Protein backbone atom coordinates (compact mmCIF):
# COMPACT_ATOMS: atom_id res chain seq x y z
CA UNK A 1 0.10 0.04 0.07
CA UNK A 2 3.00 2.16 0.78
CA UNK A 3 4.20 1.51 -2.74
CA UNK A 4 1.44 3.35 -4.24
CA UNK A 5 2.22 6.54 -2.65
CA UNK A 6 5.74 6.12 -3.83
CA UNK A 7 4.92 5.37 -7.33
CA UNK A 8 2.20 7.81 -7.67
CA UNK A 9 2.64 10.70 -5.17
CA UNK A 10 -0.35 12.95 -6.09
CA UNK A 11 -2.88 14.61 -3.92
CA UNK A 12 -5.63 12.12 -5.05
CA UNK A 13 -3.71 9.28 -4.07
CA UNK A 14 -2.83 10.72 -0.51
CA UNK A 15 -6.49 11.32 -0.31
CA UNK A 16 -7.75 7.60 -1.38
CA UNK A 17 -5.08 6.01 1.14
CA UNK A 18 -7.05 5.93 4.18
CA UNK A 19 -9.73 4.64 2.57
CA UNK A 20 -7.87 1.80 1.00
CA UNK A 21 -6.31 0.97 4.31
CA UNK A 22 -9.59 0.26 5.73
CA UNK A 23 -11.06 -1.63 2.92
CA UNK A 24 -8.07 -3.91 2.92
CA UNK A 25 -8.29 -4.51 6.54
CA UNK A 26 -11.63 -5.21 6.37
CA UNK A 27 -11.24 -7.64 3.55
CA UNK A 28 -8.12 -9.44 5.21
CA UNK A 29 -10.32 -9.77 8.56
CA UNK A 30 -13.21 -11.36 6.39
CA UNK A 31 -10.62 -13.81 4.47
CA UNK A 32 -9.36 -14.71 7.87
CA UNK A 33 -12.74 -15.71 9.28
CA UNK A 34 -13.64 -17.81 6.08
CA UNK A 35 -10.05 -19.41 6.25
CA UNK A 36 -10.63 -20.29 9.88
CA UNK A 37 -14.08 -22.12 9.16
CA UNK A 38 -12.53 -23.87 6.36
CA UNK A 39 -9.33 -24.96 7.87
CA UNK A 40 -9.86 -25.00 11.83
CA UNK A 41 -7.14 -26.23 14.14
CA UNK A 42 -4.55 -26.19 11.45
CA UNK A 43 -5.32 -22.43 10.62
CA UNK A 44 -5.35 -21.61 14.39
CA UNK A 45 -1.57 -23.08 14.44
CA UNK A 46 -0.44 -21.04 11.73
CA UNK A 47 -2.00 -17.92 12.88
CA UNK A 48 0.00 -18.30 16.07
CA UNK A 49 3.13 -18.70 14.50
CA UNK A 50 2.79 -16.16 11.64
CA UNK A 51 2.31 -12.36 11.97
CA UNK A 52 -0.71 -10.78 10.09
CA UNK A 53 0.51 -7.84 8.73
CA UNK A 54 4.02 -6.83 10.07
CA UNK A 55 7.09 -9.54 9.91
CA UNK A 56 8.70 -10.19 12.95
CA UNK A 57 12.29 -8.83 13.62
CA UNK A 58 14.79 -11.37 14.10
CA UNK A 59 16.81 -14.03 12.00
CA UNK A 60 15.80 -14.84 8.60
CA UNK A 61 16.01 -18.52 9.07
CA UNK A 62 14.74 -19.34 12.16
CA UNK A 63 14.15 -22.99 13.06
CA UNK A 64 10.18 -23.72 13.21
CA UNK A 65 9.11 -24.76 16.68
CA UNK A 66 6.94 -27.74 16.79
CA UNK A 67 3.67 -27.29 18.21
CA UNK A 68 2.80 -28.95 21.40
């Protein structure tokens, strides 16, 4: 999303940016609900191990910890 502002630095793009962020956020929440309903516990484990929007800071290659 920030790339759009960098690629097309216009007032219209700046004005549309907050609305687009809200729309994409709502879309992500809805898709997450659908995925949880479809995959159940497998999705819950993946969701606990994976950040939603922002990456975690740390080593690039970190060994995966098994679910207990």
